[in-house]
């Protein structure tokens, strides 16, 4: 993520093409029993950390579509 930010990649693109794509891979691996809950939780926490950094930057992009980002956790 830091490399993408340094390369002036828009925050929305980092979320849509990077983070969401990565979580979809994690979900597929979980469904095929190649990844288990502790590993999935680590991936989700990592994504959450990235989203925390990117939220303030999302409104700065010219490519903003008015979409909202919702972040939550389940305890």
N, C-alpha and C. Protein backbone atom coordinates (compact mmCIF):
# COMPACT_ATOMS: atom_id res chain seq x y z
N UNK A 1 0.81 -1.18 0.00
CA UNK A 1 0.00 0.00 0.00
C UNK A 1 0.87 1.25 0.00
N UNK A 2 1.92 1.25 0.77
CA UNK A 2 2.80 2.43 0.82
C UNK A 2 3.42 2.72 -0.55
N UNK A 3 3.78 1.67 -1.27
CA UNK A 3 4.34 1.87 -2.62
C UNK A 3 3.30 2.50 -3.54
N UNK A 4 2.05 2.04 -3.43
CA UNK A 4 0.98 2.59 -4.26
C UNK A 4 0.74 4.06 -3.92
N UNK A 5 0.75 4.40 -2.64
CA UNK A 5 0.58 5.80 -2.24
C UNK A 5 1.74 6.65 -2.74
N UNK A 6 2.94 6.12 -2.65
CA UNK A 6 4.12 6.86 -3.11
C UNK A 6 4.07 7.09 -4.62
N UNK A 7 3.41 6.18 -5.34
CA UNK A 7 3.29 6.31 -6.79
C UNK A 7 2.06 7.12 -7.18
N UNK A 8 1.45 7.81 -6.20
CA UNK A 8 0.26 8.64 -6.42
C UNK A 8 -0.93 7.86 -6.96
N UNK A 9 -1.06 6.60 -6.59
CA UNK A 9 -2.23 5.81 -6.95
C UNK A 9 -3.40 6.32 -6.11
N UNK A 10 -4.55 6.60 -6.74
CA UNK A 10 -5.71 7.09 -5.98
C UNK A 10 -6.13 6.10 -4.90
N UNK A 11 -6.53 6.62 -3.76
CA UNK A 11 -6.93 5.77 -2.63
C UNK A 11 -8.05 4.81 -3.02
N UNK A 12 -9.02 5.29 -3.80
CA UNK A 12 -10.14 4.43 -4.21
C UNK A 12 -9.64 3.25 -5.04
N UNK A 13 -8.64 3.47 -5.86
CA UNK A 13 -8.07 2.39 -6.67
C UNK A 13 -7.34 1.38 -5.79
N UNK A 14 -6.66 1.87 -4.77
CA UNK A 14 -5.97 0.96 -3.83
C UNK A 14 -6.99 0.07 -3.14
N UNK A 15 -8.11 0.67 -2.72
CA UNK A 15 -9.16 -0.12 -2.04
C UNK A 15 -9.77 -1.11 -3.01
N UNK A 16 -10.21 -0.63 -4.17
CA UNK A 16 -10.96 -1.48 -5.10
C UNK A 16 -10.12 -2.53 -5.80
N UNK A 17 -8.94 -2.16 -6.25
CA UNK A 17 -8.12 -3.10 -7.02
C UNK A 17 -7.10 -3.85 -6.18
N UNK A 18 -6.84 -3.37 -4.98
CA UNK A 18 -5.85 -4.01 -4.13
C UNK A 18 -6.46 -4.74 -2.96
N UNK A 19 -7.05 -3.97 -2.05
CA UNK A 19 -7.54 -4.56 -0.81
C UNK A 19 -8.72 -5.50 -1.02
N UNK A 20 -9.70 -5.05 -1.79
CA UNK A 20 -10.87 -5.91 -2.01
C UNK A 20 -10.48 -7.15 -2.80
N UNK A 21 -9.64 -6.98 -3.80
CA UNK A 21 -9.17 -8.12 -4.59
C UNK A 21 -8.46 -9.13 -3.68
N UNK A 22 -7.63 -8.63 -2.78
CA UNK A 22 -6.91 -9.51 -1.86
C UNK A 22 -7.83 -10.25 -0.92
N UNK A 23 -8.84 -9.57 -0.41
CA UNK A 23 -9.79 -10.22 0.50
C UNK A 23 -10.62 -11.26 -0.24
N UNK A 24 -10.93 -11.02 -1.51
CA UNK A 24 -11.64 -12.03 -2.30
C UNK A 24 -10.79 -13.30 -2.45
N UNK A 25 -9.49 -13.13 -2.61
CA UNK A 25 -8.58 -14.29 -2.67
C UNK A 25 -8.61 -15.04 -1.35
N UNK A 26 -8.55 -14.28 -0.26
CA UNK A 26 -8.59 -14.90 1.07
C UNK A 26 -9.88 -15.69 1.25
N UNK A 27 -11.01 -15.11 0.82
CA UNK A 27 -12.30 -15.81 0.94
C UNK A 27 -12.31 -17.11 0.14
N UNK A 28 -11.75 -17.07 -1.06
CA UNK A 28 -11.68 -18.28 -1.87
C UNK A 28 -10.82 -19.36 -1.23
N UNK A 29 -9.71 -18.93 -0.63
CA UNK A 29 -8.84 -19.90 0.04
C UNK A 29 -9.51 -20.48 1.27
N UNK A 30 -10.31 -19.67 1.96
CA UNK A 30 -11.02 -20.18 3.13
C UNK A 30 -12.07 -21.21 2.69
N UNK A 31 -12.78 -20.92 1.61
CA UNK A 31 -13.80 -21.85 1.12
C UNK A 31 -13.19 -23.18 0.70
N UNK A 32 -11.97 -23.16 0.18
CA UNK A 32 -11.34 -24.40 -0.26
C UNK A 32 -10.47 -25.03 0.83
N UNK A 33 -10.60 -24.54 2.05
CA UNK A 33 -9.85 -25.06 3.20
C UNK A 33 -8.34 -24.91 3.07
N UNK A 34 -7.90 -23.90 2.29
CA UNK A 34 -6.47 -23.61 2.21
C UNK A 34 -6.07 -22.53 3.21
N UNK A 35 -7.06 -21.93 3.85
CA UNK A 35 -6.81 -20.87 4.83
C UNK A 35 -7.88 -21.02 5.92
N UNK A 36 -7.47 -20.78 7.15
CA UNK A 36 -8.39 -20.99 8.26
C UNK A 36 -8.65 -19.67 9.00
N UNK A 37 -9.62 -19.70 9.89
CA UNK A 37 -10.12 -18.50 10.56
C UNK A 37 -9.02 -17.61 11.12
N UNK A 38 -8.03 -18.12 11.85
CA UNK A 38 -6.99 -17.22 12.38
C UNK A 38 -6.27 -16.45 11.28
N UNK A 39 -6.00 -17.11 10.16
CA UNK A 39 -5.33 -16.45 9.05
C UNK A 39 -6.24 -15.43 8.38
N UNK A 40 -7.51 -15.77 8.27
CA UNK A 40 -8.49 -14.84 7.69
C UNK A 40 -8.59 -13.60 8.57
N UNK A 41 -8.65 -13.79 9.87
CA UNK A 41 -8.73 -12.65 10.79
C UNK A 41 -7.51 -11.75 10.67
N UNK A 42 -6.33 -12.35 10.50
CA UNK A 42 -5.12 -11.55 10.32
C UNK A 42 -5.21 -10.72 9.04
N UNK A 43 -5.73 -11.33 7.97
CA UNK A 43 -5.86 -10.62 6.70
C UNK A 43 -6.86 -9.46 6.83
N UNK A 44 -7.97 -9.72 7.51
CA UNK A 44 -9.00 -8.69 7.69
C UNK A 44 -8.47 -7.56 8.56
N UNK A 45 -7.73 -7.88 9.59
CA UNK A 45 -7.13 -6.83 10.43
C UNK A 45 -6.15 -5.98 9.64
N UNK A 46 -5.35 -6.64 8.80
CA UNK A 46 -4.41 -5.91 7.94
C UNK A 46 -5.15 -4.98 6.99
N UNK A 47 -6.23 -5.47 6.41
CA UNK A 47 -7.04 -4.62 5.53
C UNK A 47 -7.61 -3.45 6.31
N UNK A 48 -8.06 -3.71 7.53
CA UNK A 48 -8.61 -2.64 8.36
C UNK A 48 -7.58 -1.55 8.65
N UNK A 49 -6.35 -1.95 8.90
CA UNK A 49 -5.28 -0.98 9.13
C UNK A 49 -5.07 -0.11 7.89
N UNK A 50 -5.09 -0.74 6.73
CA UNK A 50 -4.92 0.01 5.48
C UNK A 50 -6.08 0.96 5.25
N UNK A 51 -7.29 0.49 5.49
CA UNK A 51 -8.47 1.33 5.29
C UNK A 51 -8.44 2.53 6.23
N UNK A 52 -7.97 2.33 7.46
CA UNK A 52 -7.85 3.44 8.41
C UNK A 52 -6.95 4.53 7.85
N UNK A 53 -5.88 4.14 7.19
CA UNK A 53 -4.97 5.12 6.59
C UNK A 53 -5.61 5.77 5.36
N UNK A 54 -6.36 4.99 4.60
CA UNK A 54 -6.90 5.48 3.32
C UNK A 54 -8.17 6.31 3.46
N UNK A 55 -8.93 6.15 4.52
CA UNK A 55 -10.21 6.86 4.66
C UNK A 55 -10.06 8.37 4.47
N UNK A 56 -9.10 9.03 5.11
CA UNK A 56 -8.99 10.47 4.90
C UNK A 56 -8.62 10.84 3.45
N UNK A 57 -8.00 9.93 2.74
CA UNK A 57 -7.56 10.20 1.37
C UNK A 57 -8.65 9.94 0.34
N UNK A 58 -9.68 9.19 0.71
CA UNK A 58 -10.70 8.83 -0.25
C UNK A 58 -11.46 10.05 -0.77
N UNK A 59 -11.69 11.04 0.05
CA UNK A 59 -12.40 12.23 -0.39
C UNK A 59 -11.56 13.14 -1.25
N UNK A 60 -10.25 12.96 -1.25
CA UNK A 60 -9.35 13.83 -2.01
C UNK A 60 -9.25 13.43 -3.47
N UNK A 61 -9.64 12.21 -3.81
CA UNK A 61 -9.52 11.74 -5.19
C UNK A 61 -10.54 12.43 -6.08
N UNK A 62 -10.12 12.78 -7.28
CA UNK A 62 -11.04 13.33 -8.28
C UNK A 62 -11.98 12.26 -8.80
N UNK A 63 -11.59 11.01 -8.63
CA UNK A 63 -12.38 9.90 -9.16
C UNK A 63 -13.47 9.45 -8.19
N UNK A 64 -13.70 10.20 -7.14
CA UNK A 64 -14.69 9.83 -6.13
C UNK A 64 -16.07 9.72 -6.76
N UNK A 65 -16.76 8.63 -6.46
CA UNK A 65 -18.09 8.39 -7.02
C UNK A 65 -19.18 8.63 -6.00
N UNK A 66 -18.84 9.14 -4.86
CA UNK A 66 -19.84 9.35 -3.83
C UNK A 66 -20.12 8.09 -3.02
N UNK A 67 -19.32 7.06 -3.23
CA UNK A 67 -19.50 5.82 -2.49
C UNK A 67 -19.06 6.03 -1.06
N UNK A 68 -19.55 5.21 -0.19
CA UNK A 68 -19.19 5.29 1.22
C UNK A 68 -18.40 4.06 1.61
N UNK A 69 -17.51 4.25 2.54
CA UNK A 69 -16.74 3.14 3.08
C UNK A 69 -17.24 2.90 4.49
N UNK A 70 -17.59 1.64 4.75
CA UNK A 70 -18.07 1.26 6.07
C UNK A 70 -17.10 0.24 6.61
N UNK A 71 -16.62 0.48 7.81
CA UNK A 71 -15.67 -0.44 8.42
C UNK A 71 -16.25 -0.93 9.72
N UNK A 72 -16.17 -2.22 9.95
CA UNK A 72 -16.68 -2.76 11.21
C UNK A 72 -15.98 -4.06 11.53
N UNK A 73 -16.14 -4.47 12.74
CA UNK A 73 -15.58 -5.75 13.18
C UNK A 73 -16.66 -6.51 13.93
N UNK A 74 -16.47 -7.81 13.99
CA UNK A 74 -17.38 -8.66 14.74
C UNK A 74 -16.59 -9.27 15.88
N UNK A 75 -17.08 -9.06 17.07
CA UNK A 75 -16.40 -9.63 18.25
C UNK A 75 -17.12 -10.86 18.73
